[in-house]
Protein backbone atom coordinates (compact mmCIF):
# COMPACT_ATOMS: atom_id res chain seq x y z
CA UNK A 1 -0.92 66.75 -87.04
CA UNK A 2 -4.29 67.28 -89.39
CA UNK A 3 -4.60 67.77 -93.09
CA UNK A 4 -0.09 68.19 -93.54
CA UNK A 5 -0.30 70.60 -90.32
CA UNK A 6 2.15 70.15 -87.31
CA UNK A 7 0.73 72.01 -84.09
CA UNK A 8 3.10 72.20 -81.71
CA UNK A 9 2.14 71.38 -78.34
CA UNK A 10 3.07 72.27 -74.19
CA UNK A 11 2.33 70.50 -71.45
CA UNK A 12 2.99 70.99 -67.59
CA UNK A 13 2.29 69.60 -64.71
CA UNK A 14 1.16 66.07 -62.90
CA UNK A 15 1.31 62.95 -64.29
CA UNK A 16 -0.82 61.69 -67.21
CA UNK A 17 -2.83 60.37 -63.66
CA UNK A 18 -3.67 64.12 -62.76
CA UNK A 19 -6.95 65.56 -64.48
CA UNK A 20 -5.96 67.26 -68.04
CA UNK A 21 -6.81 70.58 -68.82
CA UNK A 22 -6.59 71.42 -72.87
CA UNK A 23 -6.45 75.34 -73.51
CA UNK A 24 -7.65 76.81 -76.34
CA UNK A 25 -6.04 80.13 -77.29
CA UNK A 26 -7.62 82.46 -79.89
CA UNK A 27 -6.06 84.34 -82.75
CA UNK A 28 -3.39 86.41 -82.05
CA UNK A 29 -2.45 84.79 -79.56
CA UNK A 30 -0.09 81.43 -78.96
CA UNK A 31 -0.22 79.01 -75.37
CA UNK A 32 1.98 82.43 -73.94
CA UNK A 33 -1.36 84.11 -73.02
CA UNK A 34 -2.04 80.78 -70.80
CA UNK A 35 1.48 81.59 -68.68
CA UNK A 36 -0.91 83.50 -66.21
CA UNK A 37 -2.31 80.27 -64.92
CA UNK A 38 -0.48 77.39 -66.84
CA UNK A 39 1.50 77.90 -63.36
CA UNK A 40 -1.21 77.41 -61.16
CA UNK A 41 -3.55 74.52 -63.01
CA UNK A 42 -0.10 72.50 -63.46
CA UNK A 43 -0.21 71.96 -59.70
CA UNK A 44 -2.48 69.41 -59.72
CA UNK A 45 -3.61 68.93 -63.17
CA UNK A 46 -1.52 68.25 -66.26
CA UNK A 47 -1.83 71.93 -68.31
CA UNK A 48 -2.30 71.51 -72.11
CA UNK A 49 -1.79 73.66 -74.69
CA UNK A 50 -0.62 73.95 -78.21
CA UNK A 51 -0.49 76.69 -80.73
CA UNK A 52 -3.74 76.70 -83.07
CA UNK A 53 -2.80 76.74 -86.51
CA UNK A 54 -1.03 79.76 -88.23
CA UNK A 55 0.35 81.12 -84.74
CA UNK A 56 3.24 80.03 -82.73
CA UNK A 57 5.35 77.29 -83.54
CA UNK A 58 1.91 75.76 -85.56
CA UNK A 59 2.20 75.23 -88.68
CA UNK A 60 0.08 77.16 -90.61
CA UNK A 61 -2.70 75.78 -93.67
CA UNK A 62 -1.53 76.64 -97.16
CA UNK A 63 -5.24 78.26 -98.15
CA UNK A 64 -7.79 80.84 -95.68
CA UNK A 65 -10.02 76.70 -96.05
CA UNK A 66 -7.89 75.41 -93.32
CA UNK A 67 -8.80 77.62 -90.92
CA UNK A 68 -12.65 77.14 -90.95
CA UNK A 69 -13.94 75.52 -87.87
CA UNK A 70 -14.29 72.26 -88.93
CA UNK A 71 -10.49 71.55 -89.40
CA UNK A 72 -9.81 73.97 -85.52
CA UNK A 73 -12.09 71.44 -83.87
CA UNK A 74 -10.60 68.44 -86.11
CA UNK A 75 -7.34 69.97 -84.83
CA UNK A 76 -8.41 70.03 -81.34
CA UNK A 77 -9.74 66.21 -81.22
CA UNK A 78 -6.06 65.17 -82.53
CA UNK A 79 -4.20 67.13 -79.64
CA UNK A 80 -7.07 65.49 -77.32
CA UNK A 81 -5.86 61.98 -79.21
CA UNK A 82 -2.34 62.15 -78.38
CA UNK A 83 -3.02 64.00 -74.88
CA UNK A 84 -5.84 61.87 -73.08
CA UNK A 85 -7.46 58.84 -75.24
CA UNK A 86 -8.75 57.82 -73.16
CA UNK A 87 -10.53 60.11 -70.37
CA UNK A 88 -12.14 63.06 -70.42
CA UNK A 89 -10.55 66.08 -70.13
CA UNK A 90 -10.60 70.09 -68.82
CA UNK A 91 -11.37 72.15 -71.72
CA UNK A 92 -10.36 75.84 -71.43
CA UNK A 93 -11.84 78.33 -74.32
CA UNK A 94 -10.34 82.31 -74.52
CA UNK A 95 -11.02 84.89 -77.36
CA UNK A 96 -11.84 82.93 -80.78
CA UNK A 97 -10.11 79.26 -78.84
CA UNK A 98 -13.43 79.88 -77.34
CA UNK A 99 -15.75 79.56 -80.53
CA UNK A 100 -13.28 76.21 -82.04
CA UNK A 101 -13.82 74.77 -78.19
CA UNK A 102 -17.11 75.06 -78.30
CA UNK A 103 -17.95 74.44 -82.01
CA UNK A 104 -16.08 70.80 -81.32
CA UNK A 105 -18.55 70.15 -78.15
CA UNK A 106 -20.86 70.17 -80.20
CA UNK A 107 -20.16 68.22 -82.56
CA UNK A 108 -21.51 64.47 -82.80
CA UNK A 109 -19.67 61.80 -80.26
CA UNK A 110 -16.82 65.46 -79.17
CA UNK A 111 -19.24 65.95 -75.92
CA UNK A 112 -18.09 63.06 -73.74
CA UNK A 113 -14.07 63.53 -74.95
CA UNK A 114 -14.56 66.86 -72.23
CA UNK A 115 -15.16 66.44 -69.06
CA UNK A 116 -16.37 70.85 -68.94
CA UNK A 117 -16.69 72.82 -71.83
CA UNK A 118 -15.30 76.63 -72.25
């Protein structure tokens, strides 16, 4: 949760010892946009998706300012803190999710949390 917005996170696949892949969707999608690849990747990865703020089962911010890229990057960081606090992840982005992910990895101190940018 960042700034009071709760995010719905979904995990599939291997144990926490497997490489982790975190997938970020665009709007107006939700985590289901990844269903086509989720089962394949979950065979030998820990595959994590989340509904970005204002989509799916996640909360919506109370103002438009809550959708700024810095807030979306903070959300991604919060997901990484929850699912892989000590190991870098592979990062996938689709549509607006790719923009969110790119903004995050260009933020100071974030790039070392990612094994492969979107």
